[in-house]
């Protein structure tokens, strides 16, 4: 179907998106069968090679201009969607999670010294980063409920000492920069969370194991980590002590949306592959797509992809006004992840046995989107949060009426 661009996109952003689409389809996609694509994500050697190819095309961190300014969130939605046409595209263009969200956070909260030391190398694509927040369930630690944070930090002169365990830390293995969240034990912080920037690797940050997970798109995989008496200089605290949860929301709300952007691009590609298969594969005297059971699935996919795009663009435009809240980002993350999972499932089903093989990226699309329904907050947590807001709004309306 012809692509209709939303109003508000600059010619510059459209041109960048078009260049990314060509780059991802022609240069990046052939690497999808590279043996360096492992169960724990593409190897660092492959990721580095892909980033150099993007650098050569002027497409590294393409949502950030050379002067450090960002495209609007609406324009970024288009750019990241095109990067997602291959599971390797966001890695090549250096807009994959957690790096994209971490760069956004450092740009918003980091001091000039932190931006120079930690942000600049990330934007330049010199390495990867990791965000150390989630903790093991067996420890009773923080997951969807960050108030359960067990990792602690305490002052020691001009340093902070951090101890604890973390889990599902994406990209920790092989990262250059880490952002560590810990709960302060200092009285003046009232038990609030703090964020720290650390150079990696560090002997005090120990990888217990890299988990075997259903997804395989992010370099380094997802690790369980022990933090043993990590000493961090006080000037490497991000922002103010006790404000870590607030800063995390600065990162998480837009990051949920950029996840949606990238996976929508991959779902676009899955629909293309399934459509091509259904139009060419003959069964019972006609192409599969002419059988309503298959054709209707692809038709529903087209409807759902359009709906996801509209939801993302709406939230991006709200975010550009500075008004995007937890509710809006929860709506987008829930709707897009659940809807794209149905799209991915139909792509697999339309392709029959071929859909569950590694012959195309359709089976990976299914795995990645299944994981996305949990990552950055499970659907049920977002709905619970929305229900709480609905109740608050109802109470407020009742009070106004009385």
Protein backbone atom coordinates (compact mmCIF):
# COMPACT_ATOMS: atom_id res chain seq x y z
CA UNK A 1 0.00 0.00 0.00
CA UNK A 2 1.31 3.51 -0.71
CA UNK A 3 2.72 5.17 2.39
CA UNK A 4 0.95 8.34 3.52
CA UNK A 5 3.21 10.51 5.66
CA UNK A 6 1.70 12.28 8.68
CA UNK A 7 1.73 16.06 8.75
CA UNK A 8 4.59 17.58 10.67
CA UNK A 9 7.46 15.67 9.09
CA UNK A 10 10.28 17.78 7.73
CA UNK A 11 11.76 17.04 4.28
CA UNK A 12 15.06 16.42 6.10
CA UNK A 13 13.58 13.67 8.26
CA UNK A 14 11.80 12.04 5.31
CA UNK A 15 15.05 12.02 3.34
CA UNK A 16 16.93 10.43 6.25
CA UNK A 17 14.22 7.77 6.64
CA UNK A 18 14.36 6.96 2.93
CA UNK A 19 18.14 6.56 3.09
CA UNK A 20 17.82 4.30 6.13
CA UNK A 21 15.25 2.11 4.40
CA UNK A 22 17.55 1.63 1.41
CA UNK A 23 20.53 0.96 3.68
CA UNK A 24 18.69 -1.56 5.84
CA UNK A 25 17.12 -3.44 2.94
CA UNK A 26 20.19 -3.55 0.70
CA UNK A 27 23.16 -3.57 3.08
CA UNK A 28 22.01 -4.77 6.50
CA UNK A 29 19.39 -7.44 5.71
CA UNK A 30 21.92 -9.77 3.99
CA UNK A 31 23.67 -10.13 7.37
CA UNK A 32 20.56 -11.76 8.91
CA UNK A 33 21.97 -15.20 8.09
CA UNK A 34 25.43 -14.34 9.42
CA UNK A 35 26.59 -17.04 11.89
CA UNK A 36 27.55 -14.24 14.29
CA UNK A 37 23.82 -13.79 15.00
CA UNK A 38 23.62 -15.86 18.18
CA UNK A 39 20.96 -16.76 20.74
CA UNK A 40 22.34 -13.91 22.87
CA UNK A 41 22.11 -11.40 20.06
CA UNK A 42 24.55 -10.37 17.34
CA UNK A 43 28.16 -10.63 18.43
CA UNK A 44 30.01 -7.42 19.22
CA UNK A 45 32.19 -8.03 16.17
CA UNK A 46 29.11 -8.11 13.93
CA UNK A 47 27.53 -5.12 15.68
CA UNK A 48 30.75 -3.14 15.24
CA UNK A 49 30.94 -4.05 11.55
CA UNK A 50 27.35 -2.97 11.01
CA UNK A 51 27.89 0.33 12.84
CA UNK A 52 30.88 1.06 10.64
CA UNK A 53 28.76 0.47 7.55
CA UNK A 54 26.17 2.91 8.90
CA UNK A 55 28.88 5.41 9.77
CA UNK A 56 30.14 5.23 6.21
CA UNK A 57 26.64 6.11 4.98
CA UNK A 58 26.22 8.92 7.52
CA UNK A 59 23.44 6.96 9.22
CA UNK A 60 24.85 6.33 12.70
CA UNK A 61 22.46 7.60 15.42
CA UNK A 62 20.45 9.20 12.60
CA UNK A 63 17.82 10.67 14.94
CA UNK A 64 20.51 12.97 16.36
CA UNK A 65 21.88 15.66 14.07
CA UNK A 66 25.58 16.53 13.83
CA UNK A 67 25.05 19.57 16.06
CA UNK A 68 23.59 17.38 18.83
CA UNK A 69 19.96 18.42 18.28
CA UNK A 70 17.29 15.75 17.93
CA UNK A 71 14.62 15.25 15.34
CA UNK A 72 11.13 15.55 16.78
CA UNK A 73 9.62 12.40 18.29
CA UNK A 74 7.23 12.22 15.32
CA UNK A 75 10.18 12.32 12.93
CA UNK A 76 12.08 9.83 15.08
CA UNK A 77 9.10 7.49 14.82
CA UNK A 78 9.53 7.32 11.06
CA UNK A 79 13.32 7.02 11.25
CA UNK A 80 13.27 4.20 13.82
CA UNK A 81 10.44 2.39 12.03
CA UNK A 82 12.57 2.23 8.89
CA UNK A 83 15.59 1.06 10.89
CA UNK A 84 13.45 -1.79 12.22
CA UNK A 85 12.89 -3.33 8.78
CA UNK A 86 15.61 -5.77 9.82
CA UNK A 87 16.29 -7.00 13.36
CA UNK A 88 19.86 -5.85 12.69
CA UNK A 89 18.86 -2.40 11.44
CA UNK A 90 18.58 -0.65 14.82
CA UNK A 91 21.94 -2.14 15.82
CA UNK A 92 23.60 -0.92 12.65
CA UNK A 93 22.14 2.57 13.03
CA UNK A 94 22.85 2.52 16.80
CA UNK A 95 19.25 3.20 17.79
CA UNK A 96 18.60 -0.11 19.56
CA UNK A 97 17.54 -0.49 23.17
CA UNK A 98 18.99 0.08 25.69
CA UNK A 99 21.41 2.48 23.98
CA UNK A 100 18.80 4.76 22.45
CA UNK A 101 17.01 5.24 25.77
CA UNK A 102 20.25 5.66 27.69
CA UNK A 103 21.48 8.33 25.29
CA UNK A 104 18.16 10.14 25.64
CA UNK A 105 18.40 10.08 29.44
CA UNK A 106 21.99 11.32 29.55
CA UNK A 107 21.11 14.08 27.12
CA UNK A 108 18.26 15.20 29.37
CA UNK A 109 19.80 14.84 32.84
CA UNK A 110 23.57 14.50 32.49
CA UNK A 111 25.98 17.24 33.51
CA UNK A 112 28.37 18.67 30.94
CA UNK A 113 31.14 16.44 32.31
CA UNK A 114 28.95 13.30 32.14
CA UNK A 115 27.86 14.12 28.60
CA UNK A 116 31.46 14.54 27.49
CA UNK A 117 32.76 11.41 29.21
CA UNK A 118 29.86 8.98 28.80
CA UNK A 119 27.36 10.30 26.25
CA UNK A 120 29.73 11.42 23.49
CA UNK A 121 31.31 7.95 23.00
CA UNK A 122 27.83 6.39 22.81
CA UNK A 123 26.61 8.85 20.19
CA UNK A 124 29.81 8.21 18.26
CA UNK A 125 29.06 4.49 18.28
CA UNK A 126 32.27 3.60 20.10
CA UNK A 127 30.50 1.08 22.30
CA UNK A 128 27.28 -0.07 23.94
CA UNK A 129 25.58 0.69 27.23
CA UNK A 130 23.42 -1.06 29.82
CA UNK A 131 20.77 0.09 32.31
CA UNK A 132 21.01 -1.76 35.64
CA UNK A 133 17.57 -1.50 37.27
CA UNK A 134 15.65 -4.81 37.35
CA UNK A 135 16.54 -7.29 40.11
CA UNK A 136 16.11 -11.07 40.61
CA UNK A 137 12.66 -12.21 41.66
CA UNK A 138 14.16 -14.71 44.12
CA UNK A 139 15.69 -11.78 46.02
CA UNK A 140 12.35 -10.01 46.24
CA UNK A 141 13.90 -7.25 44.20
CA UNK A 142 12.58 -4.60 41.88
CA UNK A 143 10.90 -5.58 38.64
CA UNK A 144 7.74 -3.89 37.51
CA UNK A 145 7.57 -2.43 41.03
CA UNK A 146 10.75 -0.32 41.42
CA UNK A 147 9.90 0.48 45.05
CA UNK A 148 11.17 -3.04 45.91
CA UNK A 149 14.75 -2.00 45.07
CA UNK A 150 17.22 -4.09 47.08
CA UNK A 151 20.48 -2.79 45.63
CA UNK A 152 21.89 -0.17 48.01
CA UNK A 153 24.32 2.71 47.84
CA UNK A 154 26.03 4.58 50.68
CA UNK A 155 28.45 7.47 50.86
CA UNK A 156 32.11 6.89 51.62
CA UNK A 157 33.95 10.20 51.47
CA UNK A 158 33.83 11.44 47.90
CA UNK A 159 32.56 8.10 46.61
CA UNK A 160 29.45 5.94 46.78
CA UNK A 161 29.60 2.21 47.51
CA UNK A 162 27.03 0.05 45.69
CA UNK A 163 26.04 -3.53 46.53
CA UNK A 164 23.29 -5.78 45.17
CA UNK A 165 22.15 -8.04 42.36
CA UNK A 166 20.50 -7.23 39.06
CA UNK A 167 18.69 -9.37 36.49
CA UNK A 168 17.62 -9.13 32.83
CA UNK A 169 20.28 -6.49 32.28
CA UNK A 170 20.27 -6.11 28.52
CA UNK A 171 23.67 -5.74 26.91
CA UNK A 172 25.66 -5.78 30.15
CA UNK A 173 28.04 -8.35 28.74
CA UNK A 174 30.42 -6.34 26.55
CA UNK A 175 29.05 -2.86 27.37
CA UNK A 176 31.24 0.24 27.61
CA UNK A 177 28.96 2.33 29.85
CA UNK A 178 26.59 1.33 32.66
CA UNK A 179 23.80 3.26 34.39
CA UNK A 180 23.25 1.68 37.81
CA UNK A 181 20.19 2.28 40.00
CA UNK A 182 20.49 1.77 43.75
CA UNK A 183 18.54 2.74 46.87
CA UNK A 184 20.34 5.22 49.09
CA UNK A 185 20.86 4.32 52.75
CA UNK A 186 21.75 7.93 53.58
CA UNK A 187 19.25 9.68 55.89
CA UNK A 188 19.05 12.83 53.77
CA UNK A 189 17.99 10.78 50.72
CA UNK A 190 15.09 9.15 52.61
CA UNK A 191 15.71 5.83 50.91
CA UNK A 192 15.29 7.29 47.45
CA UNK A 193 16.88 5.80 44.36
CA UNK A 194 20.07 7.13 42.82
CA UNK A 195 21.55 6.65 39.35
CA UNK A 196 25.27 6.32 38.71
CA UNK A 197 27.41 6.26 35.57
CA UNK A 198 30.14 3.62 35.53
CA UNK A 199 32.85 2.56 33.12
CA UNK A 200 32.59 -1.05 32.01
CA UNK A 201 33.92 -3.60 32.43
CA UNK A 202 34.54 -3.23 36.18
CA UNK A 203 35.76 -6.05 38.45
CA UNK A 204 33.07 -5.16 41.00
CA UNK A 205 30.31 -5.84 38.43
CA UNK A 206 30.24 -9.60 37.93
CA UNK A 207 28.19 -11.45 35.34
CA UNK A 208 26.71 -14.53 37.02
CA UNK A 209 25.18 -15.79 33.80
CA UNK A 210 23.60 -14.66 30.56
CA UNK A 211 20.02 -15.90 30.46
CA UNK A 212 18.62 -18.05 27.66
CA UNK A 213 15.60 -16.05 26.48
CA UNK A 214 13.08 -16.29 23.67
CA UNK A 215 14.42 -13.16 21.94
CA UNK A 216 17.80 -12.79 20.24
CA UNK A 217 18.07 -9.30 18.78
CA UNK A 218 20.08 -7.38 21.38
CA UNK A 219 23.89 -7.69 21.61
CA UNK A 220 25.06 -9.12 24.92
CA UNK A 221 21.75 -10.77 25.73
CA UNK A 222 20.18 -10.36 29.18
CA UNK A 223 22.41 -11.02 32.20
CA UNK A 224 22.14 -11.67 35.92
CA UNK A 225 24.67 -9.45 37.68
CA UNK A 226 26.27 -9.22 41.11
CA UNK A 227 27.52 -5.80 42.23
CA UNK A 228 30.13 -6.25 44.96
CA UNK A 229 31.36 -3.08 46.70
CA UNK A 230 31.40 -1.01 43.53
CA UNK A 231 33.08 2.37 44.23
CA UNK A 232 31.75 5.24 42.14
CA UNK A 233 33.02 8.84 42.38
CA UNK A 234 30.32 11.22 43.62
CA UNK A 235 30.53 13.31 40.45
CA UNK A 236 29.36 10.27 38.47
CA UNK A 237 25.93 10.38 40.07
CA UNK A 238 23.33 11.26 37.47
CA UNK A 239 21.36 14.25 38.76
CA UNK A 240 20.51 14.46 42.44
CA UNK A 241 20.50 11.81 45.18
CA UNK A 242 17.09 10.29 45.79
CA UNK A 243 15.69 11.32 42.39
CA UNK A 244 16.50 8.11 40.51
CA UNK A 245 12.90 6.97 40.02
CA UNK A 246 11.98 10.33 38.52
CA UNK A 247 14.92 10.18 36.12
CA UNK A 248 14.04 6.61 35.18
CA UNK A 249 10.60 7.80 34.07
CA UNK A 250 12.27 10.45 31.88
CA UNK A 251 13.92 7.53 30.12
CA UNK A 252 11.18 4.90 30.26
CA UNK A 253 8.19 6.80 28.87
CA UNK A 254 9.85 7.72 25.54
CA UNK A 255 11.75 4.40 25.46
CA UNK A 256 8.48 2.46 25.50
CA UNK A 257 7.45 4.42 22.44
CA UNK A 258 10.74 3.95 20.56
CA UNK A 259 10.46 0.20 21.21
CA UNK A 260 7.08 0.38 19.46
CA UNK A 261 8.64 2.25 16.53
CA UNK A 262 11.38 -0.32 15.93
CA UNK A 263 9.14 -3.38 16.26
CA UNK A 264 6.55 -1.84 13.97
CA UNK A 265 9.23 -1.70 11.29
CA UNK A 266 10.04 -5.37 11.79
CA UNK A 267 6.34 -6.23 11.61
CA UNK A 268 6.11 -4.29 8.33
CA UNK A 269 8.82 -6.55 6.96
CA UNK A 270 7.11 -9.67 8.29
CA UNK A 271 3.91 -8.67 6.51
CA UNK A 272 5.86 -8.16 3.28
CA UNK A 273 7.41 -11.62 3.54
CA UNK A 274 4.11 -13.32 4.38
CA UNK A 275 2.36 -11.49 1.54
CA UNK A 276 5.03 -12.49 -0.95
CA UNK A 277 4.73 -16.10 0.18
CA UNK A 278 0.92 -16.12 0.04
CA UNK A 279 0.85 -14.58 -3.44
CA UNK A 280 3.33 -17.11 -4.86
CA UNK A 281 2.37 -20.31 -3.03
CA UNK A 282 -0.28 -22.35 -4.82
CA UNK A 283 -2.78 -24.55 -3.00
CA UNK A 284 -5.99 -26.15 -4.26
CA UNK A 285 -5.70 -24.51 -7.66
CA UNK A 286 -5.05 -20.90 -6.65
CA UNK A 287 -2.61 -18.70 -4.71
CA UNK A 288 -2.92 -18.89 -0.93
CA UNK A 289 -3.94 -15.25 -0.70
CA UNK A 290 -7.07 -16.03 -2.73
CA UNK A 291 -8.22 -18.37 0.03
CA UNK A 292 -10.15 -16.24 2.48
CA UNK A 293 -8.59 -17.97 5.48
CA UNK A 294 -5.20 -16.58 4.44
CA UNK A 295 -6.19 -13.42 2.61
CA UNK A 296 -8.29 -12.20 5.53
CA UNK A 297 -5.36 -12.69 7.91
CA UNK A 298 -3.16 -10.47 5.78
CA UNK A 299 -5.97 -7.95 5.42
CA UNK A 300 -6.34 -7.79 9.21
CA UNK A 301 -2.58 -7.34 9.49
CA UNK A 302 -2.74 -4.34 7.17
CA UNK A 303 -5.46 -2.83 9.35
CA UNK A 304 -3.53 -3.50 12.56
CA UNK A 305 -0.25 -2.14 11.22
CA UNK A 306 -2.00 1.06 10.24
CA UNK A 307 -3.62 1.31 13.69
CA UNK A 308 -0.27 0.81 15.42
CA UNK A 309 1.32 3.49 13.26
CA UNK A 310 -1.45 5.94 14.12
CA UNK A 311 -1.12 5.18 17.85
CA UNK A 312 2.65 5.71 17.73
CA UNK A 313 2.36 8.93 15.73
CA UNK A 314 -0.27 10.28 18.12
CA UNK A 315 1.86 9.56 21.17
CA UNK A 316 4.94 11.00 19.45
CA UNK A 317 3.10 14.22 18.71
CA UNK A 318 1.90 14.42 22.32
CA UNK A 319 5.47 13.80 23.49
CA UNK A 320 6.67 16.63 21.26
CA UNK A 321 4.40 18.98 23.22
CA UNK A 322 6.08 17.87 26.43
CA UNK A 323 2.84 16.46 27.82
CA UNK A 324 3.29 12.70 27.35
CA UNK A 325 2.55 11.02 30.66
CA UNK A 326 2.69 7.52 32.02
CA UNK A 327 -0.87 6.83 30.89
CA UNK A 328 -0.26 7.67 27.24
CA UNK A 329 2.99 5.70 27.05
CA UNK A 330 1.28 2.75 28.77
CA UNK A 331 -1.55 2.87 26.24
CA UNK A 332 0.88 2.86 23.34
CA UNK A 333 3.09 0.12 24.71
CA UNK A 334 0.14 -2.11 25.56
CA UNK A 335 -1.77 -1.62 22.32
CA UNK A 336 1.23 -1.89 19.99
CA UNK A 337 2.87 -4.88 21.67
CA UNK A 338 -0.37 -6.86 21.87
CA UNK A 339 -1.47 -5.94 18.35
CA UNK A 340 1.89 -6.64 16.74
CA UNK A 341 1.95 -10.02 18.43
CA UNK A 342 -1.27 -10.87 16.59
CA UNK A 343 0.28 -9.57 13.37
CA UNK A 344 3.36 -11.75 13.89
CA UNK A 345 1.22 -14.78 14.68
CA UNK A 346 -0.79 -14.35 11.48
CA UNK A 347 2.40 -13.99 9.44
CA UNK A 348 3.63 -17.31 10.81
CA UNK A 349 0.25 -18.97 10.25
CA UNK A 350 -0.08 -17.68 6.68
CA UNK A 351 3.29 -19.18 5.82
CA UNK A 352 2.56 -22.57 7.35
CA UNK A 353 5.64 -24.69 8.06
CA UNK A 354 7.94 -22.16 6.45
CA UNK A 355 6.80 -19.59 8.99
CA UNK A 356 8.33 -21.48 11.92
CA UNK A 357 11.72 -21.99 10.28
CA UNK A 358 14.75 -19.75 10.20
CA UNK A 359 14.45 -19.43 6.43
CA UNK A 360 12.96 -15.95 6.95
CA UNK A 361 12.92 -13.45 9.83
CA UNK A 362 9.19 -14.10 10.43
CA UNK A 363 9.84 -16.61 13.22
CA UNK A 364 12.23 -14.14 14.87
CA UNK A 365 9.59 -11.42 14.57
CA UNK A 366 7.24 -13.72 16.51
CA UNK A 367 9.84 -14.33 19.24
CA UNK A 368 10.88 -10.71 19.59
CA UNK A 369 7.34 -9.37 19.83
CA UNK A 370 6.40 -12.06 22.34
CA UNK A 371 9.21 -10.82 24.57
CA UNK A 372 8.20 -7.19 23.96
CA UNK A 373 4.83 -7.89 25.61
CA UNK A 374 6.83 -8.25 28.85
CA UNK A 375 9.86 -5.99 28.44
CA UNK A 376 9.46 -2.35 29.50
CA UNK A 377 6.52 -3.42 31.65
CA UNK A 378 4.14 -6.35 31.08
CA UNK A 379 0.77 -5.58 29.55
CA UNK A 380 -0.98 -6.37 32.82
CA UNK A 381 1.08 -3.83 34.78
CA UNK A 382 0.31 -1.10 32.26
CA UNK A 383 -3.41 -1.93 32.39
CA UNK A 384 -3.29 -1.92 36.20
CA UNK A 385 -1.70 1.52 36.09
CA UNK A 386 -4.31 2.75 33.64
CA UNK A 387 -7.12 1.36 35.78
CA UNK A 388 -5.76 3.26 38.77
CA UNK A 389 -5.78 6.46 36.72
CA UNK A 390 -9.34 5.79 35.57
CA UNK A 391 -10.38 5.45 39.21
CA UNK A 392 -8.56 8.66 40.20
CA UNK A 393 -10.17 10.56 37.36
CA UNK A 394 -13.60 9.22 38.35
CA UNK A 395 -13.12 10.32 41.93
CA UNK A 396 -11.98 13.75 40.80
CA UNK A 397 -15.05 14.10 38.57
CA UNK A 398 -17.31 13.08 41.48
CA UNK A 399 -15.74 15.69 43.74
CA UNK A 400 -16.17 18.39 41.12
CA UNK A 401 -19.81 17.41 40.62
CA UNK A 402 -20.48 17.64 44.34
